[in-house]
Every structure is written in structure tokens, then in C-alpha cells.
C-alpha atoms as a PDB file:
ATOM      1  CA  UNK A   1      17.211   9.822  -2.371  1.00  0.00           C
ATOM      2  CA  UNK A   2      17.641   6.272  -1.072  1.00  0.00           C
ATOM      3  CA  UNK A   3      18.397   5.962   2.636  1.00  0.00           C
ATOM      4  CA  UNK A   4      21.730   4.705   3.463  1.00  0.00           C
ATOM      5  CA  UNK A   5      21.816   1.083   4.699  1.00  0.00           C
ATOM      6  CA  UNK A   6      22.886   0.669   8.269  1.00  0.00           C
ATOM      7  CA  UNK A   7      24.251  -2.862   9.366  1.00  0.00           C
ATOM      8  CA  UNK A   8      22.897  -4.260  12.519  1.00  0.00           C
ATOM      9  CA  UNK A   9      24.812  -7.290  14.269  1.00  0.00           C
ATOM     10  CA  UNK A  10      23.828  -9.391  17.315  1.00  0.00           C
ATOM     11  CA  UNK A  11      25.324 -12.479  18.957  1.00  0.00           C
ATOM     12  CA  UNK A  12      22.741 -15.251  18.863  1.00  0.00           C
ATOM     13  CA  UNK A  13      20.582 -15.179  22.011  1.00  0.00           C
ATOM     14  CA  UNK A  14      21.739 -11.674  23.237  1.00  0.00           C
ATOM     15  CA  UNK A  15      19.272  -9.011  24.372  1.00  0.00           C
ATOM     16  CA  UNK A  16      19.537  -5.630  22.715  1.00  0.00           C
ATOM     17  CA  UNK A  17      17.815  -2.330  22.474  1.00  0.00           C
ATOM     18  CA  UNK A  18      18.153  -0.434  19.298  1.00  0.00           C
ATOM     19  CA  UNK A  19      17.329   3.213  19.315  1.00  0.00           C
ATOM     20  CA  UNK A  20      15.667   4.510  16.042  1.00  0.00           C
ATOM     21  CA  UNK A  21      15.191   8.212  15.256  1.00  0.00           C
ATOM     22  CA  UNK A  22      12.797   8.825  12.318  1.00  0.00           C
ATOM     23  CA  UNK A  23      13.523  11.940  10.097  1.00  0.00           C
ATOM     24  CA  UNK A  24      12.190  13.885   7.126  1.00  0.00           C
ATOM     25  CA  UNK A  25      15.108  13.477   4.941  1.00  0.00           C
ATOM     26  CA  UNK A  26      13.516  15.647   2.085  1.00  0.00           C
ATOM     27  CA  UNK A  27      14.315  18.728   4.140  1.00  0.00           C
ATOM     28  CA  UNK A  28      17.706  20.455   3.491  1.00  0.00           C
ATOM     29  CA  UNK A  29      18.595  19.552   7.013  1.00  0.00           C
ATOM     30  CA  UNK A  30      16.810  16.369   8.260  1.00  0.00           C
ATOM     31  CA  UNK A  31      14.068  17.184  10.622  1.00  0.00           C
ATOM     32  CA  UNK A  32      12.704  14.706  13.338  1.00  0.00           C
ATOM     33  CA  UNK A  33       9.247  13.610  12.700  1.00  0.00           C
ATOM     34  CA  UNK A  34       6.754  13.834  15.605  1.00  0.00           C
ATOM     35  CA  UNK A  35       5.428  10.104  15.815  1.00  0.00           C
ATOM     36  CA  UNK A  36       2.400  11.155  18.079  1.00  0.00           C
ATOM     37  CA  UNK A  37       0.514  13.342  15.458  1.00  0.00           C
ATOM     38  CA  UNK A  38      -0.958  12.797  11.975  1.00  0.00           C
ATOM     39  CA  UNK A  39       0.722  14.208   9.045  1.00  0.00           C
ATOM     40  CA  UNK A  40      -1.873  17.150   9.096  1.00  0.00           C
ATOM     41  CA  UNK A  41      -0.777  17.843  12.801  1.00  0.00           C
ATOM     42  CA  UNK A  42      -3.764  16.308  14.533  1.00  0.00           C
ATOM     43  CA  UNK A  43      -2.814  15.339  18.032  1.00  0.00           C
ATOM     44  CA  UNK A  44      -3.085  11.916  19.339  1.00  0.00           C
ATOM     45  CA  UNK A  45      -2.938  10.170  16.104  1.00  0.00           C
ATOM     46  CA  UNK A  46       0.190   8.080  16.532  1.00  0.00           C
ATOM     47  CA  UNK A  47       2.348   6.390  13.885  1.00  0.00           C
ATOM     48  CA  UNK A  48       2.583   2.612  13.666  1.00  0.00           C
ATOM     49  CA  UNK A  49       6.034   1.201  13.399  1.00  0.00           C
ATOM     50  CA  UNK A  50       6.966  -2.261  12.340  1.00  0.00           C
ATOM     51  CA  UNK A  51      10.410  -4.064  12.201  1.00  0.00           C
ATOM     52  CA  UNK A  52      11.188  -7.455  10.572  1.00  0.00           C
ATOM     53  CA  UNK A  53      14.228  -9.777  10.031  1.00  0.00           C
ATOM     54  CA  UNK A  54      14.103 -12.241   7.328  1.00  0.00           C
ATOM     55  CA  UNK A  55      16.482 -14.561   5.546  1.00  0.00           C
ATOM     56  CA  UNK A  56      14.914 -14.299   2.082  1.00  0.00           C
ATOM     57  CA  UNK A  57      12.494 -11.288   2.239  1.00  0.00           C
ATOM     58  CA  UNK A  58      11.257 -11.695  -1.299  1.00  0.00           C
ATOM     59  CA  UNK A  59       9.641 -15.089  -0.315  1.00  0.00           C
ATOM     60  CA  UNK A  60       8.758 -14.785   3.274  1.00  0.00           C
ATOM     61  CA  UNK A  61       5.633 -13.232   4.769  1.00  0.00           C
ATOM     62  CA  UNK A  62       5.853 -11.437   8.240  1.00  0.00           C
ATOM     63  CA  UNK A  63       4.747 -14.468  10.149  1.00  0.00           C
ATOM     64  CA  UNK A  64       7.629 -16.387   8.678  1.00  0.00           C
ATOM     65  CA  UNK A  65      10.083 -13.799   9.812  1.00  0.00           C
ATOM     66  CA  UNK A  66      12.931 -14.530  12.158  1.00  0.00           C
ATOM     67  CA  UNK A  67      11.959 -11.494  14.186  1.00  0.00           C
ATOM     68  CA  UNK A  68       8.772  -9.430  13.764  1.00  0.00           C
ATOM     69  CA  UNK A  69       8.081  -6.516  16.110  1.00  0.00           C
ATOM     70  CA  UNK A  70       5.465  -3.726  16.112  1.00  0.00           C
ATOM     71  CA  UNK A  71       4.402  -0.674  18.026  1.00  0.00           C
ATOM     72  CA  UNK A  72       1.103  -2.196  18.758  1.00  0.00           C
ATOM     73  CA  UNK A  73       2.825  -3.814  21.765  1.00  0.00           C
ATOM     74  CA  UNK A  74       4.864  -1.687  24.287  1.00  0.00           C
ATOM     75  CA  UNK A  75       7.218  -4.376  25.164  1.00  0.00           C
ATOM     76  CA  UNK A  76       8.178  -4.795  21.503  1.00  0.00           C
ATOM     77  CA  UNK A  77       8.615  -1.540  19.810  1.00  0.00           C
ATOM     78  CA  UNK A  78       7.556   1.459  22.038  1.00  0.00           C
ATOM     79  CA  UNK A  79       7.373   5.026  20.807  1.00  0.00           C
ATOM     80  CA  UNK A  80       9.262   7.295  23.098  1.00  0.00           C
ATOM     81  CA  UNK A  81       7.956  10.617  24.431  1.00  0.00           C
ATOM     82  CA  UNK A  82       7.617  12.848  21.374  1.00  0.00           C
ATOM     83  CA  UNK A  83       9.406  15.877  23.053  1.00  0.00           C
ATOM     84  CA  UNK A  84      12.956  17.165  23.441  1.00  0.00           C
ATOM     85  CA  UNK A  85      15.660  14.753  22.965  1.00  0.00           C
ATOM     86  CA  UNK A  86      13.361  11.809  22.195  1.00  0.00           C
ATOM     87  CA  UNK A  87      11.386  13.669  19.508  1.00  0.00           C
ATOM     88  CA  UNK A  88      11.015  11.165  16.517  1.00  0.00           C
ATOM     89  CA  UNK A  89      12.342   8.173  18.403  1.00  0.00           C
ATOM     90  CA  UNK A  90      11.212   4.639  19.139  1.00  0.00           C
ATOM     91  CA  UNK A  91      13.070   1.795  20.779  1.00  0.00           C
ATOM     92  CA  UNK A  92      13.225  -1.825  19.239  1.00  0.00           C
ATOM     93  CA  UNK A  93      13.549  -4.494  22.111  1.00  0.00           C
ATOM     94  CA  UNK A  94      15.138  -7.633  21.121  1.00  0.00           C
ATOM     95  CA  UNK A  95      14.936 -10.543  23.602  1.00  0.00           C
ATOM     96  CA  UNK A  96      16.828 -13.756  24.059  1.00  0.00           C
ATOM     97  CA  UNK A  97      14.101 -15.895  22.496  1.00  0.00           C
ATOM     98  CA  UNK A  98      14.034 -13.863  19.417  1.00  0.00           C
ATOM     99  CA  UNK A  99      17.247 -15.368  18.077  1.00  0.00           C
ATOM    100  CA  UNK A 100      18.267 -18.059  20.398  1.00  0.00           C
ATOM    101  CA  UNK A 101      17.344 -20.865  18.192  1.00  0.00           C
ATOM    102  CA  UNK A 102      18.188 -19.320  14.826  1.00  0.00           C
ATOM    103  CA  UNK A 103      21.271 -20.107  12.662  1.00  0.00           C
ATOM    104  CA  UNK A 104      24.231 -17.673  12.613  1.00  0.00           C
ATOM    105  CA  UNK A 105      24.549 -15.777   9.309  1.00  0.00           C
ATOM    106  CA  UNK A 106      23.464 -12.955   7.172  1.00  0.00           C
ATOM    107  CA  UNK A 107      19.811 -11.830   7.107  1.00  0.00           C
ATOM    108  CA  UNK A 108      18.125  -8.485   6.024  1.00  0.00           C
ATOM    109  CA  UNK A 109      16.012  -5.988   8.153  1.00  0.00           C
ATOM    110  CA  UNK A 110      13.937  -2.986   7.761  1.00  0.00           C
ATOM    111  CA  UNK A 111      11.879  -0.726   9.840  1.00  0.00           C
ATOM    112  CA  UNK A 112       8.795   0.682   8.339  1.00  0.00           C
ATOM    113  CA  UNK A 113       6.786   3.685   9.838  1.00  0.00           C
ATOM    114  CA  UNK A 114       3.261   4.218   9.017  1.00  0.00           C
ATOM    115  CA  UNK A 115       1.859   7.766   9.841  1.00  0.00           C
ATOM    116  CA  UNK A 116      -1.738   8.872   9.659  1.00  0.00           C
ATOM    117  CA  UNK A 117      -2.302  11.002   6.727  1.00  0.00           C
ATOM    118  CA  UNK A 118      -5.564  12.624   5.446  1.00  0.00           C
ATOM    119  CA  UNK A 119      -8.950  11.278   6.546  1.00  0.00           C
ATOM    120  CA  UNK A 120     -10.618   8.971   3.797  1.00  0.00           C
ATOM    121  CA  UNK A 121     -13.633  11.064   2.612  1.00  0.00           C
ATOM    122  CA  UNK A 122     -16.806   9.301   2.958  1.00  0.00           C
ATOM    123  CA  UNK A 123     -15.333   6.531   5.250  1.00  0.00           C
ATOM    124  CA  UNK A 124     -13.622   8.135   8.114  1.00  0.00           C
ATOM    125  CA  UNK A 125     -16.071   8.923  11.114  1.00  0.00           C
ATOM    126  CA  UNK A 126     -19.190   7.450   9.218  1.00  0.00           C
ATOM    127  CA  UNK A 127     -21.030   5.305  11.478  1.00  0.00           C
ATOM    128  CA  UNK A 128     -19.703   3.344  14.634  1.00  0.00           C
ATOM    129  CA  UNK A 129     -17.860   0.202  15.066  1.00  0.00           C
ATOM    130  CA  UNK A 130     -17.772  -2.765  17.420  1.00  0.00           C
ATOM    131  CA  UNK A 131     -14.559  -4.654  18.333  1.00  0.00           C
ATOM    132  CA  UNK A 132     -13.804  -7.744  20.413  1.00  0.00           C
ATOM    133  CA  UNK A 133     -10.902  -9.027  22.350  1.00  0.00           C
ATOM    134  CA  UNK A 134      -8.609 -11.449  20.653  1.00  0.00           C
ATOM    135  CA  UNK A 135     -10.186 -10.683  17.327  1.00  0.00           C
ATOM    136  CA  UNK A 136      -8.978  -8.987  14.220  1.00  0.00           C
ATOM    137  CA  UNK A 137     -12.397  -8.354  12.766  1.00  0.00           C
ATOM    138  CA  UNK A 138     -14.099  -4.827  12.890  1.00  0.00           C
ATOM    139  CA  UNK A 139     -17.724  -4.613  12.598  1.00  0.00           C
ATOM    140  CA  UNK A 140     -19.350  -1.467  11.358  1.00  0.00           C
ATOM    141  CA  UNK A 141     -22.944  -0.012  11.880  1.00  0.00           C
ATOM    142  CA  UNK A 142     -23.870   2.653   9.257  1.00  0.00           C
ATOM    143  CA  UNK A 143     -20.238   2.481   7.901  1.00  0.00           C
ATOM    144  CA  UNK A 144     -18.655   2.804   4.459  1.00  0.00           C
ATOM    145  CA  UNK A 145     -15.500   0.763   4.799  1.00  0.00           C
ATOM    146  CA  UNK A 146     -15.309   0.230   1.153  1.00  0.00           C
ATOM    147  CA  UNK A 147     -14.240   3.721   0.616  1.00  0.00           C
ATOM    148  CA  UNK A 148     -11.102   3.009   2.526  1.00  0.00           C
ATOM    149  CA  UNK A 149      -8.100   1.027   1.207  1.00  0.00           C
ATOM    150  CA  UNK A 150      -5.804  -1.865   2.461  1.00  0.00           C
ATOM    151  CA  UNK A 151      -2.893  -0.217   4.247  1.00  0.00           C
ATOM    152  CA  UNK A 152      -4.988   2.550   5.850  1.00  0.00           C
ATOM    153  CA  UNK A 153      -5.021   3.181   9.398  1.00  0.00           C
ATOM    154  CA  UNK A 154      -8.003   2.562  11.637  1.00  0.00           C
ATOM    155  CA  UNK A 155      -7.964   5.078  14.729  1.00  0.00           C
ATOM    156  CA  UNK A 156     -10.561   3.954  17.340  1.00  0.00           C
ATOM    157  CA  UNK A 157     -11.536   6.856  19.478  1.00  0.00           C
ATOM    158  CA  UNK A 158     -13.109   4.840  22.196  1.00  0.00           C
ATOM    159  CA  UNK A 159     -13.001   4.654  25.983  1.00  0.00           C
ATOM    160  CA  UNK A 160     -11.152   1.415  26.047  1.00  0.00           C
ATOM    161  CA  UNK A 161      -9.491   1.521  22.560  1.00  0.00           C
ATOM    162  CA  UNK A 162      -7.354   4.180  21.402  1.00  0.00           C
ATOM    163  CA  UNK A 163      -4.466   2.610  19.512  1.00  0.00           C
ATOM    164  CA  UNK A 164      -4.257   2.721  15.844  1.00  0.00           C
ATOM    165  CA  UNK A 165      -3.903  -0.312  13.637  1.00  0.00           C
ATOM    166  CA  UNK A 166      -3.379  -1.090  10.074  1.00  0.00           C
ATOM    167  CA  UNK A 167      -6.002  -2.506   7.873  1.00  0.00           C
ATOM    168  CA  UNK A 168      -5.188  -5.727   5.992  1.00  0.00           C
ATOM    169  CA  UNK A 169      -8.531  -6.633   4.248  1.00  0.00           C
ATOM    170  CA  UNK A 170     -11.911  -4.925   3.656  1.00  0.00           C
ATOM    171  CA  UNK A 171     -14.779  -7.533   3.226  1.00  0.00           C
ATOM    172  CA  UNK A 172     -17.717  -5.091   2.859  1.00  0.00           C
ATOM    173  CA  UNK A 173     -19.046  -1.780   3.806  1.00  0.00           C
ATOM    174  CA  UNK A 174     -19.477  -3.129   7.405  1.00  0.00           C
ATOM    175  CA  UNK A 175     -16.686  -5.564   7.936  1.00  0.00           C
ATOM    176  CA  UNK A 176     -12.880  -5.229   7.602  1.00  0.00           C
ATOM    177  CA  UNK A 177      -9.747  -6.945   9.307  1.00  0.00           C
ATOM    178  CA  UNK A 178      -6.713  -5.343  11.006  1.00  0.00           C
ATOM    179  CA  UNK A 179      -3.310  -6.551  11.333  1.00  0.00           C
ATOM    180  CA  UNK A 180      -3.311  -7.409  15.010  1.00  0.00           C
ATOM    181  CA  UNK A 181      -5.632  -8.188  17.775  1.00  0.00           C
ATOM    182  CA  UNK A 182      -5.038  -5.482  19.952  1.00  0.00           C
ATOM    183  CA  UNK A 183      -8.601  -4.524  21.025  1.00  0.00           C
ATOM    184  CA  UNK A 184     -10.570  -4.813  24.119  1.00  0.00           C
ATOM    185  CA  UNK A 185     -14.184  -5.556  23.659  1.00  0.00           C
ATOM    186  CA  UNK A 186     -16.255  -2.414  23.135  1.00  0.00           C
ATOM    187  CA  UNK A 187     -19.278  -1.502  21.122  1.00  0.00           C
ATOM    188  CA  UNK A 188     -20.477   1.936  19.634  1.00  0.00           C
ATOM    189  CA  UNK A 189     -17.039   3.163  19.113  1.00  0.00           C
ATOM    190  CA  UNK A 190     -16.337   6.478  17.110  1.00  0.00           C
ATOM    191  CA  UNK A 191     -13.233   6.157  14.873  1.00  0.00           C
ATOM    192  CA  UNK A 192     -11.294   7.718  11.996  1.00  0.00           C
ATOM    193  CA  UNK A 193      -9.934   5.983   8.816  1.00  0.00           C
ATOM    194  CA  UNK A 194      -6.951   7.814   7.584  1.00  0.00           C
ATOM    195  CA  UNK A 195      -4.727   7.018   4.621  1.00  0.00           C
ATOM    196  CA  UNK A 196      -1.412   5.255   5.832  1.00  0.00           C
ATOM    197  CA  UNK A 197       1.649   6.972   4.742  1.00  0.00           C
ATOM    198  CA  UNK A 198       4.438   4.431   4.737  1.00  0.00           C
ATOM    199  CA  UNK A 199       8.091   5.232   5.025  1.00  0.00           C
ATOM    200  CA  UNK A 200      10.941   2.767   5.282  1.00  0.00           C
ATOM    201  CA  UNK A 201      13.034   4.605   8.065  1.00  0.00           C
ATOM    202  CA  UNK A 202      15.825   2.165   8.342  1.00  0.00           C
ATOM    203  CA  UNK A 203      17.132  -1.038   6.450  1.00  0.00           C
ATOM    204  CA  UNK A 204      20.182  -3.087   5.803  1.00  0.00           C
ATOM    205  CA  UNK A 205      22.011  -6.365   6.626  1.00  0.00           C
ATOM    206  CA  UNK A 206      21.356  -7.946  10.017  1.00  0.00           C
ATOM    207  CA  UNK A 207      24.097 -10.216  11.092  1.00  0.00           C
ATOM    208  CA  UNK A 208      23.678 -12.989  13.628  1.00  0.00           C
ATOM    209  CA  UNK A 209      27.001 -14.056  15.104  1.00  0.00           C
ATOM    210  CA  UNK A 210      27.424 -17.543  16.708  1.00  0.00           C
ATOM    211  CA  UNK A 211      27.537 -17.487  20.389  1.00  0.00           C
ATOM    212  CA  UNK A 212      30.048 -19.337  22.508  1.00  0.00           C
ATOM    213  CA  UNK A 213      28.248 -19.408  25.841  1.00  0.00           C
ATOM    214  CA  UNK A 214      25.448 -21.806  25.531  1.00  0.00           C
ATOM    215  CA  UNK A 215      22.070 -21.502  27.150  1.00  0.00           C
END
């Protein structure tokens, strides 16, 4: 069943926090999804959450979005503690510069959750990787990246690098690129490659209202 659309509205230049609860709507009673674990229950395998607002979604890539926020960065879209009342929840943080210079009117938004599913056989945990600060390139030694797929999740298991990131291209068995440059420089990092299980958790119109008070 398609998820019901929810309209979000914001006065141009306002700051707002939107609380999102991710549920499994296939259950008779929707159940909150633990965003800190993989689909198979493996702990410390957090989901990736992405949010975008676009005027013409069919023709715009994410870099062209009016707003594009991800859980890679805690000041954009942090996951809340996955216990008790905040189980399944994340918080979208919109700041004044996100919409200050936009045109009032109707836009579209959605929020996508990518959970870590089953490990890619033959690719996950095979070899080691090296990552560099400010780079999206991941270099493998003894790896088999070609057995993974675009949209899968790279889960580093290093000392400095522990946040998952989505794969956007695979060049060879030893080279791939990820969506965001979130790494600290580190070599000989063990890792997992898991299938990305993608779900649009919220979507609908996003209405920007003309402000009266100027900057």
C-alpha cells in the first residue's frame, strides 16, 4: 500500500525541526523500525537517511535540490536514540540558509531510509580498504567490489571510521566511490558490504510561504 502523503510547509528563511518516525507498514499494526541495526538484527549497523526538496524532481539530481540533507552529518539529519519513545525516529534540521533565497511556491519532498540488509556474498569482508579525508574514493586490497552493487552500503569497521555510506559507483574489484566524503584517513580497515534495502518513509508537497520580515 502506498504511504499517505503528508504536506510540509515552511515560511521562507525559518528554522524548523521535523521529527520522523520510520515504521514497518506491512505489519497489521505498524511497528517502529530500529534504525541502529541491520535487517537481520546485527547491532551497530545503522540506517542511512536522506531528505530532498525539489521543484521538478524528474529533472533534478540531488546536487540541484533546494534542500538535501543526510544522516551522514549530525547537524543535518541525526538518528535519535533507538530505545523507548524515540525508537525508529530521526530529526530533520532545517536552517535559515536552506530556504532564505528560494522562491515561494510548491515543491516536492521525500525522505528515504536505506537499511543494511544481507551481506554481499564474496564481497563483504573480503580484503581491507583504505580511505582518505575529503575523498569519496575507497581503495581495496584483496577486495572483490565487483560482486557488490550500486546502492549497497559500505560499513567500515575501523578505529576512526564507523559510519555507513552508500555506494554510487564501482570501478573495479579494488576501487569504488561512495556518496559523501565522510571519512577520516585510515588504512587497513576491515569492512562489510551489505545490500541496501531502500524505503521511502515520507513524501508529499513541500510548500514555501513568502516571508514578511526580511533578513
